[in-house]
Protein backbone atom coordinates (compact mmCIF):
# COMPACT_ATOMS: atom_id res chain seq x y z
CA MET A 1 36.51 -54.03 -10.75
CA LYS A 2 33.19 -52.25 -11.29
CA ILE A 3 31.43 -54.70 -8.94
CA ASP A 4 34.02 -54.03 -6.21
CA VAL A 5 33.49 -50.28 -6.56
CA TYR A 6 29.71 -50.76 -6.45
CA LEU A 7 29.91 -52.93 -3.33
CA TYR A 8 32.26 -50.45 -1.65
CA SER A 9 30.05 -47.48 -2.49
CA THR A 10 26.91 -49.39 -1.35
CA LYS A 11 28.51 -50.24 2.00
CA LYS A 12 29.72 -46.67 2.40
CA PHE A 13 26.30 -45.32 1.42
CA LYS A 14 24.62 -47.47 4.12
CA THR A 15 26.88 -46.05 6.84
CA MET A 16 26.27 -42.43 5.86
CA ASN A 17 23.66 -40.35 7.66
CA ARG A 18 20.61 -38.92 5.91
CA GLU A 19 22.15 -35.49 5.25
CA GLU A 20 25.34 -36.99 3.79
CA LYS A 21 23.28 -39.23 1.50
CA LEU A 22 21.12 -36.33 0.38
CA LEU A 23 24.14 -34.08 -0.24
CA GLY A 24 25.76 -36.84 -2.28
CA ILE A 25 22.68 -37.16 -4.46
CA VAL A 26 22.33 -33.38 -4.84
CA ASN A 27 26.01 -33.06 -5.80
CA GLU A 28 25.65 -35.84 -8.37
CA VAL A 29 22.63 -34.16 -9.99
CA ILE A 30 24.32 -30.75 -10.03
CA VAL A 31 27.47 -32.17 -11.64
CA ASP A 32 25.35 -34.01 -14.25
CA ARG A 33 23.41 -30.84 -15.11
CA LEU A 34 26.56 -28.72 -15.33
CA THR A 35 28.18 -31.37 -17.51
CA GLN A 36 25.19 -31.23 -19.85
CA LEU A 37 25.42 -27.44 -19.95
CA ILE A 38 29.13 -27.56 -20.75
CA GLU A 39 28.50 -30.10 -23.52
CA GLU A 40 25.78 -27.88 -24.98
CA MET A 41 28.12 -24.88 -24.92
CA SER A 42 30.57 -26.82 -27.05
CA ASP A 43 28.25 -27.70 -29.93
CA ASN A 44 27.80 -25.92 -33.25
CA GLU A 45 24.36 -24.51 -32.41
CA PHE A 46 25.78 -22.70 -29.38
CA VAL A 47 28.64 -21.25 -31.43
CA GLU A 48 26.19 -20.08 -34.10
CA MET A 49 23.91 -18.57 -31.44
CA ILE A 50 26.83 -16.59 -29.99
CA SER A 51 27.83 -15.38 -33.47
CA ASP A 52 24.26 -14.31 -34.19
CA MET A 53 23.97 -12.54 -30.83
CA TYR A 54 27.21 -10.68 -31.53
CA HIS A 55 25.79 -9.44 -34.81
CA ASP A 56 22.40 -8.58 -33.27
CA GLN A 57 23.91 -6.65 -30.36
CA THR A 58 26.72 -4.86 -32.18
CA GLY A 59 25.42 -4.61 -35.72
CA GLU A 60 28.80 -5.90 -36.87
CA ASP A 61 30.04 -9.18 -38.32
CA LEU A 62 32.81 -11.00 -36.53
CA ASP A 63 34.60 -11.34 -39.86
CA ASP A 64 35.57 -7.79 -40.70
CA GLY A 65 37.18 -8.90 -43.97
CA THR A 66 40.74 -7.96 -43.01
CA ASP A 67 41.96 -11.57 -42.64
CA ASP A 68 41.53 -13.92 -45.60
CA GLU A 69 42.09 -16.95 -43.38
CA PHE A 70 39.62 -15.91 -40.66
CA ASP A 71 37.37 -18.80 -39.58
CA GLN A 72 34.44 -17.44 -37.60
CA HIS A 73 33.45 -20.84 -36.17
CA GLU A 74 37.00 -21.55 -35.02
CA TYR A 75 37.33 -18.07 -33.53
CA VAL A 76 34.09 -18.24 -31.54
CA SER A 77 34.80 -21.84 -30.47
CA GLY A 78 38.16 -20.70 -29.12
CA ILE A 79 36.60 -17.90 -27.10
CA VAL A 80 33.88 -20.23 -25.76
CA GLY A 81 36.50 -22.85 -24.93
CA SER A 82 38.56 -20.31 -23.02
CA ARG A 83 35.55 -19.88 -20.70
CA VAL A 84 34.29 -23.49 -20.63
CA VAL A 85 37.58 -25.17 -19.66
CA PRO A 86 38.07 -23.08 -16.48
CA LEU A 87 34.39 -23.64 -15.62
CA LEU A 88 34.80 -27.39 -16.04
CA HIS A 89 37.94 -27.28 -13.89
CA LYS A 90 36.08 -25.48 -11.09
CA VAL A 91 33.12 -27.88 -11.33
CA CYS A 92 35.49 -30.82 -10.97
CA GLU A 93 37.16 -29.22 -7.96
CA TRP A 94 33.80 -28.55 -6.38
CA GLY A 95 32.59 -32.07 -7.15
CA ILE A 96 35.52 -33.76 -5.44
CA GLY A 97 35.87 -31.14 -2.72
CA LYS A 98 39.56 -30.47 -3.39
CA GLU A 99 41.62 -28.06 -5.44
CA ILE A 100 43.16 -29.54 -8.56
CA PRO A 101 46.68 -28.24 -9.22
CA THR A 102 47.12 -26.62 -12.61
CA GLU A 103 50.90 -26.57 -12.67
């Protein structure tokens, strides 16, 4: 299967003009870089950095002590995820050149 896809894409690539080939390569690099960024935004270091920045900029802790079951890492991860998932969705739409239905 993978060989068939490679042969198809190689044949298609040969029939494309210079600008189409260049745009394809540029799009591939952009999607790879954005994917790396999204992966980095999902790791523990990013979550800790956001928590630290919150404290540095507000002078307050995220955990105000009113909820015994409050999990700061889970809370920040949820907020980050609420921004990363729509970003990933838009990147995918842009990468394939079509809107992806969400319903």
